[in-house]
């Protein structure tokens, strides 16, 4: 009778390289598939799957079959590492984009002034009286202040979802009140 996957993982926890090789052979396809479904990028999925097995090798002695199967244990690690990679990738993108967006906003003051001076912007300003105070504040920060939703949330110290709701509901009220198309500054600023 062949030892179970759980037994192989327990043996790997004692330093048995052969047992860990068996664990890898029996689970690598599922671990990779789990990671790939989250990351959608084969190269990153391969890196993360490798990290999962390094972590599993180092932590095999902590595996407790009474708490669940070896497969579940490995897939939890895989899921956590893949989510960590998604978050790290997004954080890096945010760090790369934010300075460029701020620079663009500061150098685009003349374009913003043209928009504020236009007849359409005047209609929007007139229609702002039909909004609640919180909707008006969010729309002014987005439309006239050039802030993105995340920046507005940070500025107002409210959740991002709250800002998105205020912008969406405020834009609907503006459209009804002005009877005209209300322009959007950019997709991030005014979309729900």
N, C-alpha and C. Protein backbone atom coordinates (compact mmCIF):
# COMPACT_ATOMS: atom_id res chain seq x y z
N UNK A 1 0.83 -1.18 0.00
CA UNK A 1 0.00 0.00 0.00
C UNK A 1 0.87 1.25 0.00
N UNK A 2 0.56 2.18 -0.88
CA UNK A 2 1.31 3.43 -1.01
C UNK A 2 0.98 4.38 0.14
N UNK A 3 1.97 5.07 0.67
CA UNK A 3 1.68 6.07 1.70
C UNK A 3 0.84 7.20 1.09
N UNK A 4 0.02 7.80 1.92
CA UNK A 4 -0.85 8.87 1.45
C UNK A 4 -0.04 10.14 1.20
N UNK A 5 -0.66 11.06 0.50
CA UNK A 5 -0.04 12.37 0.26
C UNK A 5 0.27 13.05 1.59
N UNK A 6 -0.65 12.91 2.53
CA UNK A 6 -0.44 13.52 3.85
C UNK A 6 0.81 12.93 4.52
N UNK A 7 0.97 11.62 4.40
CA UNK A 7 2.15 10.96 5.00
C UNK A 7 3.42 11.43 4.31
N UNK A 8 3.38 11.57 2.99
CA UNK A 8 4.56 12.07 2.27
C UNK A 8 4.91 13.48 2.75
N UNK A 9 3.91 14.29 2.97
CA UNK A 9 4.17 15.66 3.43
C UNK A 9 4.73 15.65 4.86
N UNK A 10 4.22 14.76 5.70
CA UNK A 10 4.78 14.63 7.05
C UNK A 10 6.24 14.19 6.99
N UNK A 11 6.55 13.24 6.11
CA UNK A 11 7.94 12.79 5.94
C UNK A 11 8.82 13.92 5.41
N UNK A 12 8.26 14.73 4.49
CA UNK A 12 9.01 15.88 3.97
C UNK A 12 9.34 16.84 5.10
N UNK A 13 8.45 16.92 6.09
CA UNK A 13 8.70 17.78 7.24
C UNK A 13 9.87 17.33 8.08
N UNK A 14 10.26 16.08 7.94
CA UNK A 14 11.45 15.57 8.65
C UNK A 14 12.70 15.69 7.79
N UNK A 15 12.55 16.26 6.59
CA UNK A 15 13.71 16.44 5.71
C UNK A 15 13.82 15.40 4.62
N UNK A 16 12.83 14.56 4.44
CA UNK A 16 12.86 13.51 3.42
C UNK A 16 12.61 14.13 2.04
N UNK A 17 13.68 14.30 1.28
CA UNK A 17 13.60 14.92 -0.04
C UNK A 17 12.79 14.08 -1.00
N UNK A 18 12.92 12.78 -0.94
CA UNK A 18 12.16 11.90 -1.82
C UNK A 18 10.66 12.02 -1.58
N UNK A 19 10.28 12.11 -0.32
CA UNK A 19 8.86 12.26 0.01
C UNK A 19 8.34 13.60 -0.54
N UNK A 20 9.16 14.62 -0.43
CA UNK A 20 8.71 15.93 -0.95
C UNK A 20 8.62 15.90 -2.47
N UNK A 21 9.52 15.18 -3.12
CA UNK A 21 9.45 15.04 -4.58
C UNK A 21 8.13 14.39 -4.97
N UNK A 22 7.69 13.43 -4.20
CA UNK A 22 6.40 12.79 -4.46
C UNK A 22 5.26 13.78 -4.26
N UNK A 23 5.33 14.56 -3.20
CA UNK A 23 4.31 15.61 -2.96
C UNK A 23 4.26 16.54 -4.16
N UNK A 24 5.42 16.94 -4.63
CA UNK A 24 5.48 17.84 -5.78
C UNK A 24 4.85 17.17 -7.01
N UNK A 25 5.24 15.97 -7.29
CA UNK A 25 4.72 15.25 -8.47
C UNK A 25 3.21 15.11 -8.42
N UNK A 26 2.66 14.86 -7.24
CA UNK A 26 1.22 14.64 -7.11
C UNK A 26 0.38 15.92 -7.08
N UNK A 27 1.01 17.05 -6.78
CA UNK A 27 0.21 18.28 -6.58
C UNK A 27 0.60 19.45 -7.47
N UNK A 28 1.70 19.37 -8.17
CA UNK A 28 2.20 20.54 -8.90
C UNK A 28 1.21 21.04 -9.95
N UNK A 29 0.51 20.14 -10.61
CA UNK A 29 -0.45 20.57 -11.64
C UNK A 29 -1.58 21.38 -11.02
N UNK A 30 -2.11 20.91 -9.90
CA UNK A 30 -3.22 21.64 -9.25
C UNK A 30 -2.75 22.96 -8.67
N UNK A 31 -1.57 22.97 -8.07
CA UNK A 31 -1.03 24.21 -7.50
C UNK A 31 -0.83 25.23 -8.62
N UNK A 32 -0.20 24.80 -9.70
CA UNK A 32 0.04 25.71 -10.82
C UNK A 32 -1.29 26.22 -11.39
N UNK A 33 -2.25 25.34 -11.55
CA UNK A 33 -3.56 25.73 -12.09
C UNK A 33 -4.24 26.76 -11.21
N UNK A 34 -4.17 26.58 -9.91
CA UNK A 34 -4.77 27.54 -8.97
C UNK A 34 -4.12 28.91 -9.12
N UNK A 35 -2.81 28.92 -9.16
CA UNK A 35 -2.07 30.17 -9.26
C UNK A 35 -2.34 30.84 -10.61
N UNK A 36 -2.35 30.07 -11.67
CA UNK A 36 -2.57 30.61 -13.01
C UNK A 36 -3.97 31.23 -13.13
N UNK A 37 -4.97 30.61 -12.52
CA UNK A 37 -6.33 31.17 -12.58
C UNK A 37 -6.39 32.54 -11.92
N UNK A 38 -5.57 32.78 -10.93
CA UNK A 38 -5.58 34.06 -10.24
C UNK A 38 -4.72 35.09 -10.98
N UNK A 39 -3.55 34.69 -11.43
CA UNK A 39 -2.61 35.63 -12.04
C UNK A 39 -2.82 35.86 -13.53
N UNK A 40 -3.30 34.86 -14.23
CA UNK A 40 -3.55 34.94 -15.67
C UNK A 40 -2.28 35.16 -16.49
N UNK A 41 -1.15 35.03 -15.90
CA UNK A 41 0.13 35.22 -16.59
C UNK A 41 1.00 34.01 -16.29
N UNK A 42 1.31 33.26 -17.33
CA UNK A 42 2.00 31.98 -17.17
C UNK A 42 3.37 32.15 -16.48
N UNK A 43 4.14 33.13 -16.90
CA UNK A 43 5.48 33.31 -16.32
C UNK A 43 5.39 33.63 -14.83
N UNK A 44 4.48 34.54 -14.46
CA UNK A 44 4.32 34.86 -13.05
C UNK A 44 3.79 33.65 -12.27
N UNK A 45 2.87 32.91 -12.90
CA UNK A 45 2.31 31.73 -12.23
C UNK A 45 3.40 30.70 -11.95
N UNK A 46 4.33 30.54 -12.90
CA UNK A 46 5.42 29.59 -12.69
C UNK A 46 6.29 30.02 -11.51
N UNK A 47 6.59 31.33 -11.43
CA UNK A 47 7.40 31.84 -10.31
C UNK A 47 6.69 31.63 -8.98
N UNK A 48 5.41 31.98 -8.95
CA UNK A 48 4.66 31.86 -7.70
C UNK A 48 4.50 30.40 -7.30
N UNK A 49 4.24 29.52 -8.25
CA UNK A 49 4.12 28.09 -7.93
C UNK A 49 5.43 27.57 -7.33
N UNK A 50 6.54 28.02 -7.89
CA UNK A 50 7.84 27.63 -7.33
C UNK A 50 7.96 28.14 -5.89
N UNK A 51 7.56 29.38 -5.65
CA UNK A 51 7.60 29.94 -4.29
C UNK A 51 6.72 29.13 -3.34
N UNK A 52 5.57 28.67 -3.84
CA UNK A 52 4.66 27.86 -3.02
C UNK A 52 5.36 26.60 -2.56
N UNK A 53 6.06 25.93 -3.45
CA UNK A 53 6.71 24.68 -3.07
C UNK A 53 7.93 24.93 -2.19
N UNK A 54 8.61 26.04 -2.37
CA UNK A 54 9.70 26.38 -1.44
C UNK A 54 9.12 26.60 -0.05
N UNK A 55 8.02 27.35 0.02
CA UNK A 55 7.37 27.58 1.31
C UNK A 55 6.86 26.27 1.91
N UNK A 56 6.30 25.40 1.08
CA UNK A 56 5.79 24.11 1.56
C UNK A 56 6.94 23.25 2.10
N UNK A 57 8.06 23.26 1.41
CA UNK A 57 9.22 22.48 1.87
C UNK A 57 9.69 22.98 3.24
N UNK A 58 9.79 24.31 3.35
CA UNK A 58 10.26 24.89 4.61
C UNK A 58 9.24 24.70 5.74
N UNK A 59 7.96 24.69 5.40
CA UNK A 59 6.93 24.60 6.42
C UNK A 59 6.28 23.25 6.55
N UNK A 60 6.80 22.24 5.88
CA UNK A 60 6.17 20.91 5.90
C UNK A 60 6.06 20.35 7.31
N UNK A 61 6.98 20.70 8.17
CA UNK A 61 6.92 20.18 9.55
C UNK A 61 5.74 20.75 10.32
N UNK A 62 5.18 21.85 9.85
CA UNK A 62 4.01 22.46 10.51
C UNK A 62 2.69 21.90 9.99
N UNK A 63 2.74 21.08 8.93
CA UNK A 63 1.51 20.51 8.39
C UNK A 63 0.89 19.57 9.42
N UNK A 64 -0.41 19.73 9.63
CA UNK A 64 -1.14 18.88 10.58
C UNK A 64 -2.32 18.25 9.85
N UNK A 65 -2.25 16.94 9.57
CA UNK A 65 -3.33 16.28 8.83
C UNK A 65 -4.67 16.33 9.56
N UNK A 66 -4.65 16.59 10.87
CA UNK A 66 -5.91 16.70 11.61
C UNK A 66 -6.67 17.96 11.22
N UNK A 67 -5.96 18.93 10.64
CA UNK A 67 -6.60 20.20 10.26
C UNK A 67 -7.05 20.24 8.81
N UNK A 68 -6.71 19.23 8.03
CA UNK A 68 -7.12 19.20 6.64
C UNK A 68 -6.16 18.39 5.80
N UNK A 69 -6.53 18.24 4.54
CA UNK A 69 -5.70 17.43 3.64
C UNK A 69 -4.46 18.18 3.20
N UNK A 70 -3.49 17.44 2.74
CA UNK A 70 -2.26 18.03 2.22
C UNK A 70 -2.56 18.90 1.00
N UNK A 71 -3.47 18.43 0.16
CA UNK A 71 -3.82 19.21 -1.03
C UNK A 71 -4.43 20.55 -0.63
N UNK A 72 -5.35 20.53 0.32
CA UNK A 72 -5.97 21.78 0.79
C UNK A 72 -4.91 22.72 1.36
N UNK A 73 -4.00 22.17 2.14
CA UNK A 73 -2.94 22.97 2.74
C UNK A 73 -2.09 23.65 1.67
N UNK A 74 -1.70 22.87 0.66
CA UNK A 74 -0.89 23.44 -0.43
C UNK A 74 -1.68 24.46 -1.24
N UNK A 75 -2.95 24.19 -1.50
CA UNK A 75 -3.75 25.13 -2.30
C UNK A 75 -4.02 26.42 -1.54
N UNK A 76 -4.11 26.35 -0.21
CA UNK A 76 -4.25 27.59 0.58
C UNK A 76 -2.99 28.44 0.45
N UNK A 77 -1.85 27.79 0.51
CA UNK A 77 -0.58 28.52 0.34
C UNK A 77 -0.54 29.12 -1.07
N UNK A 78 -0.92 28.32 -2.07
CA UNK A 78 -0.89 28.79 -3.46
C UNK A 78 -1.80 29.99 -3.64
N UNK A 79 -2.99 29.91 -3.12
CA UNK A 79 -3.95 31.02 -3.24
C UNK A 79 -3.39 32.28 -2.57
N UNK A 80 -2.87 32.13 -1.37
CA UNK A 80 -2.33 33.28 -0.64
C UNK A 80 -1.17 33.92 -1.39
N UNK A 81 -0.25 33.10 -1.91
CA UNK A 81 0.91 33.65 -2.64
C UNK A 81 0.47 34.33 -3.92
N UNK A 82 -0.51 33.77 -4.62
CA UNK A 82 -0.99 34.37 -5.87
C UNK A 82 -1.66 35.71 -5.58
N UNK A 83 -2.47 35.78 -4.54
CA UNK A 83 -3.12 37.04 -4.17
C UNK A 83 -2.07 38.06 -3.76
N UNK A 84 -1.06 37.62 -3.01
CA UNK A 84 0.04 38.53 -2.65
C UNK A 84 0.70 39.11 -3.90
N UNK A 85 0.92 38.27 -4.92
CA UNK A 85 1.56 38.74 -6.15
C UNK A 85 0.67 39.75 -6.87
N UNK A 86 -0.64 39.49 -6.91
CA UNK A 86 -1.56 40.44 -7.55
C UNK A 86 -1.49 41.78 -6.83
N UNK A 87 -1.52 41.74 -5.52
CA UNK A 87 -1.45 42.99 -4.73
C UNK A 87 -0.13 43.71 -4.95
N UNK A 88 0.95 42.97 -4.97
CA UNK A 88 2.27 43.60 -5.18
C UNK A 88 2.37 44.21 -6.57
N UNK A 89 1.84 43.51 -7.56
CA UNK A 89 1.87 44.03 -8.93
C UNK A 89 1.04 45.30 -9.03
N UNK A 90 -0.14 45.30 -8.41
CA UNK A 90 -1.00 46.49 -8.44
C UNK A 90 -0.35 47.65 -7.70
N UNK A 91 0.27 47.36 -6.57
CA UNK A 91 0.94 48.41 -5.82
C UNK A 91 2.07 49.03 -6.64
N UNK A 92 2.81 48.19 -7.35
CA UNK A 92 3.89 48.70 -8.19
C UNK A 92 3.34 49.58 -9.31
N UNK A 93 2.24 49.14 -9.93
CA UNK A 93 1.60 49.96 -10.97
C UNK A 93 1.16 51.30 -10.41
N UNK A 94 0.57 51.27 -9.23
CA UNK A 94 0.12 52.52 -8.60
C UNK A 94 1.30 53.44 -8.34
N UNK A 95 2.41 52.87 -7.87
CA UNK A 95 3.60 53.70 -7.62
C UNK A 95 4.14 54.28 -8.91
N UNK A 96 4.05 53.52 -10.00
CA UNK A 96 4.56 54.00 -11.28
C UNK A 96 3.65 55.06 -11.89
N UNK A 97 2.35 54.89 -11.73
CA UNK A 97 1.38 55.77 -12.40
C UNK A 97 1.14 57.06 -11.63
N UNK A 98 1.09 57.00 -10.31
CA UNK A 98 0.72 58.16 -9.52
C UNK A 98 1.58 59.39 -9.77
N UNK A 99 2.91 59.29 -9.78
CA UNK A 99 3.70 60.49 -10.05
C UNK A 99 3.43 61.08 -11.45
N UNK A 100 3.27 60.22 -12.43
CA UNK A 100 2.99 60.70 -13.79
C UNK A 100 1.64 61.38 -13.85
N UNK A 101 0.65 60.83 -13.15
CA UNK A 101 -0.68 61.43 -13.15
C UNK A 101 -0.67 62.79 -12.45
N UNK A 102 0.05 62.88 -11.36
CA UNK A 102 0.14 64.17 -10.66
C UNK A 102 0.84 65.21 -11.52
N UNK A 103 1.91 64.77 -12.19
CA UNK A 103 2.63 65.71 -13.07
C UNK A 103 1.72 66.18 -14.20
N UNK A 104 0.98 65.23 -14.79
CA UNK A 104 0.07 65.58 -15.86
C UNK A 104 -1.00 66.55 -15.37
N UNK A 105 -1.52 66.32 -14.17
CA UNK A 105 -2.56 67.20 -13.63
C UNK A 105 -2.02 68.60 -13.39
N UNK A 106 -0.77 68.70 -12.91
CA UNK A 106 -0.22 70.02 -12.64
C UNK A 106 0.15 70.77 -13.92
N UNK A 107 0.59 70.05 -14.94
CA UNK A 107 0.97 70.71 -16.18
C UNK A 107 -0.23 70.96 -17.08
N UNK A 108 -1.36 70.41 -16.72
CA UNK A 108 -2.55 70.56 -17.55
C UNK A 108 -3.49 71.62 -17.00
N UNK A 109 -2.98 72.56 -16.23
CA UNK A 109 -3.82 73.60 -15.63
C UNK A 109 -4.54 74.42 -16.68
N UNK A 110 -3.88 74.73 -17.79
CA UNK A 110 -4.53 75.55 -18.81
C UNK A 110 -5.71 74.81 -19.44
N UNK A 111 -5.58 73.51 -19.63
CA UNK A 111 -6.70 72.74 -20.18
C UNK A 111 -7.86 72.74 -19.19
N UNK A 112 -7.56 72.61 -17.92
CA UNK A 112 -8.60 72.62 -16.90
C UNK A 112 -9.30 73.98 -16.88
N UNK A 113 -8.53 75.05 -17.04
CA UNK A 113 -9.13 76.39 -17.08
C UNK A 113 -10.05 76.54 -18.28
N UNK A 114 -9.66 75.96 -19.43
CA UNK A 114 -10.54 76.03 -20.61
C UNK A 114 -11.85 75.30 -20.35
N UNK A 115 -11.77 74.14 -19.69
CA UNK A 115 -12.98 73.39 -19.38
C UNK A 115 -13.85 74.17 -18.42
N UNK A 116 -13.24 74.75 -17.40
CA UNK A 116 -14.01 75.51 -16.43
C UNK A 116 -14.67 76.73 -17.07
N UNK A 117 -14.06 77.28 -18.08
CA UNK A 117 -14.60 78.46 -18.75
C UNK A 117 -15.64 78.14 -19.80
N UNK A 118 -15.79 76.89 -20.15
CA UNK A 118 -16.71 76.54 -21.22
C UNK A 118 -18.16 76.63 -20.76
N UNK A 119 -19.06 76.75 -21.72
CA UNK A 119 -20.48 76.84 -21.41
C UNK A 119 -20.96 75.56 -20.73
N UNK A 120 -20.44 74.43 -21.17
CA UNK A 120 -20.86 73.16 -20.58
C UNK A 120 -20.46 73.09 -19.11
N UNK A 121 -19.26 73.55 -18.79
CA UNK A 121 -18.82 73.56 -17.40
C UNK A 121 -19.68 74.52 -16.58
N UNK A 122 -20.09 75.61 -17.18
CA UNK A 122 -20.97 76.56 -16.47
C UNK A 122 -22.30 75.89 -16.13
N UNK A 123 -22.86 75.12 -17.07
CA UNK A 123 -24.11 74.40 -16.80
C UNK A 123 -23.91 73.40 -15.67
N UNK A 124 -22.77 72.75 -15.67
CA UNK A 124 -22.48 71.78 -14.61
C UNK A 124 -22.42 72.50 -13.27
N UNK A 125 -21.72 73.62 -13.20
CA UNK A 125 -21.64 74.38 -11.94
C UNK A 125 -23.02 74.80 -11.46
N UNK A 126 -23.87 75.24 -12.39
CA UNK A 126 -25.23 75.64 -12.02
C UNK A 126 -26.02 74.44 -11.51
N UNK A 127 -25.82 73.30 -12.09
CA UNK A 127 -26.56 72.11 -11.69
C UNK A 127 -26.07 71.55 -10.36
N UNK A 128 -24.88 71.94 -9.92
CA UNK A 128 -24.33 71.43 -8.67
C UNK A 128 -25.22 71.74 -7.47
N UNK A 129 -26.04 72.77 -7.56
CA UNK A 129 -26.92 73.13 -6.44
C UNK A 129 -27.96 72.04 -6.19
N UNK A 130 -28.21 71.17 -7.15
CA UNK A 130 -29.20 70.11 -7.01
C UNK A 130 -28.62 68.86 -6.32
N UNK A 131 -27.35 68.89 -5.99
CA UNK A 131 -26.70 67.73 -5.38
C UNK A 131 -26.65 67.86 -3.87
N UNK A 132 -26.51 66.72 -3.20
CA UNK A 132 -26.24 66.76 -1.77
C UNK A 132 -24.83 67.31 -1.58
N UNK A 133 -24.55 67.74 -0.37
CA UNK A 133 -23.24 68.32 -0.11
C UNK A 133 -22.11 67.33 -0.39
N UNK A 134 -22.30 66.05 0.00
CA UNK A 134 -21.24 65.06 -0.19
C UNK A 134 -21.06 64.72 -1.66
N UNK A 135 -22.16 64.69 -2.43
CA UNK A 135 -22.05 64.44 -3.87
C UNK A 135 -21.32 65.60 -4.54
N UNK A 136 -21.71 66.81 -4.18
CA UNK A 136 -21.11 68.01 -4.77
C UNK A 136 -19.60 68.03 -4.49
N UNK A 137 -19.24 67.74 -3.25
CA UNK A 137 -17.83 67.75 -2.88
C UNK A 137 -17.03 66.74 -3.70
N UNK A 138 -17.56 65.52 -3.85
CA UNK A 138 -16.85 64.49 -4.62
C UNK A 138 -16.73 64.89 -6.08
N UNK A 139 -17.79 65.43 -6.66
CA UNK A 139 -17.76 65.80 -8.08
C UNK A 139 -16.84 66.99 -8.32
N UNK A 140 -16.85 67.96 -7.42
CA UNK A 140 -15.95 69.11 -7.58
C UNK A 140 -14.50 68.66 -7.50
N UNK A 141 -14.19 67.76 -6.57
CA UNK A 141 -12.81 67.27 -6.46
C UNK A 141 -12.39 66.49 -7.71
N UNK A 142 -13.32 65.71 -8.26
CA UNK A 142 -13.00 64.92 -9.45
C UNK A 142 -12.97 65.77 -10.71
N UNK A 143 -14.02 66.54 -10.95
CA UNK A 143 -14.19 67.26 -12.21
C UNK A 143 -13.31 68.51 -12.28
N UNK A 144 -13.34 69.31 -11.23
CA UNK A 144 -12.59 70.56 -11.24
C UNK A 144 -11.23 70.43 -10.56
N UNK A 145 -11.12 69.52 -9.60
CA UNK A 145 -9.87 69.35 -8.87
C UNK A 145 -8.92 68.36 -9.52
N UNK A 146 -9.41 67.60 -10.49
CA UNK A 146 -8.55 66.67 -11.20
C UNK A 146 -8.12 65.46 -10.38
N UNK A 147 -8.86 65.13 -9.34
CA UNK A 147 -8.47 64.00 -8.48
C UNK A 147 -9.11 62.71 -8.97
N UNK A 148 -8.39 61.63 -8.82
CA UNK A 148 -8.91 60.29 -9.10
C UNK A 148 -9.71 59.82 -7.89
N UNK A 149 -10.49 58.76 -8.08
CA UNK A 149 -11.35 58.27 -7.00
C UNK A 149 -10.55 57.92 -5.75
N UNK A 150 -9.44 57.25 -5.91
CA UNK A 150 -8.64 56.86 -4.75
C UNK A 150 -8.11 58.09 -4.02
N UNK A 151 -7.73 59.11 -4.76
CA UNK A 151 -7.25 60.33 -4.13
C UNK A 151 -8.38 61.03 -3.37
N UNK A 152 -9.57 61.02 -3.95
CA UNK A 152 -10.72 61.64 -3.27
C UNK A 152 -11.01 60.89 -1.98
N UNK A 153 -11.01 59.57 -2.04
CA UNK A 153 -11.27 58.76 -0.85
C UNK A 153 -10.26 59.08 0.25
N UNK A 154 -9.00 59.18 -0.13
CA UNK A 154 -7.96 59.51 0.85
C UNK A 154 -8.16 60.92 1.38
N UNK A 155 -8.44 61.87 0.50
CA UNK A 155 -8.64 63.27 0.88
C UNK A 155 -9.81 63.43 1.84
N UNK A 156 -10.91 62.72 1.57
CA UNK A 156 -12.12 62.83 2.40
C UNK A 156 -12.13 61.85 3.56
N UNK A 157 -11.16 60.94 3.57
CA UNK A 157 -11.07 59.91 4.61
C UNK A 157 -12.34 59.07 4.65
N UNK A 158 -12.77 58.61 3.46
CA UNK A 158 -13.93 57.72 3.34
C UNK A 158 -13.52 56.55 2.46
N UNK A 159 -14.25 55.43 2.53
CA UNK A 159 -13.93 54.28 1.68
C UNK A 159 -14.08 54.61 0.19
N UNK A 160 -13.30 53.94 -0.63
CA UNK A 160 -13.36 54.13 -2.08
C UNK A 160 -14.76 53.88 -2.62
N UNK A 161 -15.43 52.86 -2.12
CA UNK A 161 -16.79 52.56 -2.57
C UNK A 161 -17.75 53.69 -2.30
N UNK A 162 -17.56 54.39 -1.19
CA UNK A 162 -18.40 55.54 -0.86
C UNK A 162 -18.20 56.65 -1.88
N UNK A 163 -16.95 56.90 -2.25
CA UNK A 163 -16.65 57.91 -3.26
C UNK A 163 -17.29 57.53 -4.59
N UNK A 164 -17.15 56.27 -4.97
CA UNK A 164 -17.72 55.81 -6.23
C UNK A 164 -19.24 55.99 -6.25
N UNK A 165 -19.89 55.68 -5.15
CA UNK A 165 -21.35 55.85 -5.07
C UNK A 165 -21.72 57.32 -5.16
N UNK A 166 -21.01 58.17 -4.44
CA UNK A 166 -21.31 59.60 -4.48
C UNK A 166 -21.14 60.16 -5.89
N UNK A 167 -20.08 59.74 -6.56
CA UNK A 167 -19.85 60.22 -7.92
C UNK A 167 -20.93 59.72 -8.87
N UNK A 168 -21.24 58.44 -8.78
CA UNK A 168 -22.26 57.87 -9.68
C UNK A 168 -23.61 58.52 -9.46
N UNK A 169 -24.05 58.59 -8.21
CA UNK A 169 -25.36 59.19 -7.92
C UNK A 169 -25.37 60.68 -8.24
N UNK A 170 -24.28 61.35 -7.95
CA UNK A 170 -24.19 62.78 -8.26
C UNK A 170 -24.23 63.04 -9.76
N UNK A 171 -23.55 62.20 -10.54
CA UNK A 171 -23.57 62.38 -11.99
C UNK A 171 -24.97 62.16 -12.54
N UNK A 172 -25.68 61.20 -11.99
CA UNK A 172 -27.06 60.97 -12.44
C UNK A 172 -27.92 62.20 -12.16
N UNK A 173 -27.78 62.76 -10.97
CA UNK A 173 -28.56 63.94 -10.63
C UNK A 173 -28.16 65.14 -11.50
N UNK A 174 -26.87 65.25 -11.78
CA UNK A 174 -26.41 66.35 -12.64
C UNK A 174 -27.00 66.24 -14.04
N UNK A 175 -26.99 65.02 -14.55
CA UNK A 175 -27.55 64.82 -15.90
C UNK A 175 -29.03 65.20 -15.94
N UNK A 176 -29.76 64.77 -14.91
CA UNK A 176 -31.19 65.12 -14.88
C UNK A 176 -31.39 66.62 -14.70
N UNK A 177 -30.60 67.23 -13.83
CA UNK A 177 -30.77 68.65 -13.54
C UNK A 177 -30.36 69.55 -14.69
N UNK A 178 -29.29 69.18 -15.39
CA UNK A 178 -28.79 70.05 -16.45
C UNK A 178 -29.44 69.77 -17.79
N UNK A 179 -30.01 68.58 -17.93
CA UNK A 179 -30.63 68.22 -19.20
C UNK A 179 -29.62 68.13 -20.33
N UNK A 180 -28.38 68.01 -19.99
CA UNK A 180 -27.33 67.96 -21.00
C UNK A 180 -26.34 66.86 -20.64
N UNK A 181 -25.50 66.59 -21.59
CA UNK A 181 -24.43 65.64 -21.36
C UNK A 181 -23.44 66.27 -20.39
N UNK A 182 -23.11 65.53 -19.33
CA UNK A 182 -22.11 66.01 -18.39
C UNK A 182 -20.83 65.29 -18.71
N UNK A 183 -19.81 66.03 -19.13
CA UNK A 183 -18.56 65.38 -19.54
C UNK A 183 -17.85 64.75 -18.36
N UNK A 184 -17.09 63.71 -18.66
CA UNK A 184 -16.26 63.08 -17.65
C UNK A 184 -14.82 63.44 -17.94
N UNK A 185 -14.08 63.70 -16.87
CA UNK A 185 -12.69 64.08 -17.00
C UNK A 185 -11.86 62.89 -17.42
N UNK A 186 -12.07 61.76 -16.77
CA UNK A 186 -11.40 60.52 -17.17
C UNK A 186 -12.18 59.36 -16.58
N UNK A 187 -11.94 58.14 -17.07
CA UNK A 187 -12.75 56.99 -16.62
C UNK A 187 -12.65 56.73 -15.13
N UNK A 188 -11.49 56.99 -14.52
CA UNK A 188 -11.33 56.71 -13.10
C UNK A 188 -12.09 57.70 -12.24
N UNK A 189 -12.19 58.92 -12.69
CA UNK A 189 -12.74 59.97 -11.85
C UNK A 189 -14.23 59.85 -11.65
N UNK A 190 -14.98 59.49 -12.66
CA UNK A 190 -16.43 59.59 -12.55
C UNK A 190 -17.17 58.30 -12.81
N UNK A 191 -16.49 57.22 -13.12
CA UNK A 191 -17.21 55.97 -13.35
C UNK A 191 -17.48 55.29 -12.03
N UNK A 192 -18.51 54.47 -12.02
CA UNK A 192 -18.85 53.78 -10.77
C UNK A 192 -18.00 52.56 -10.60
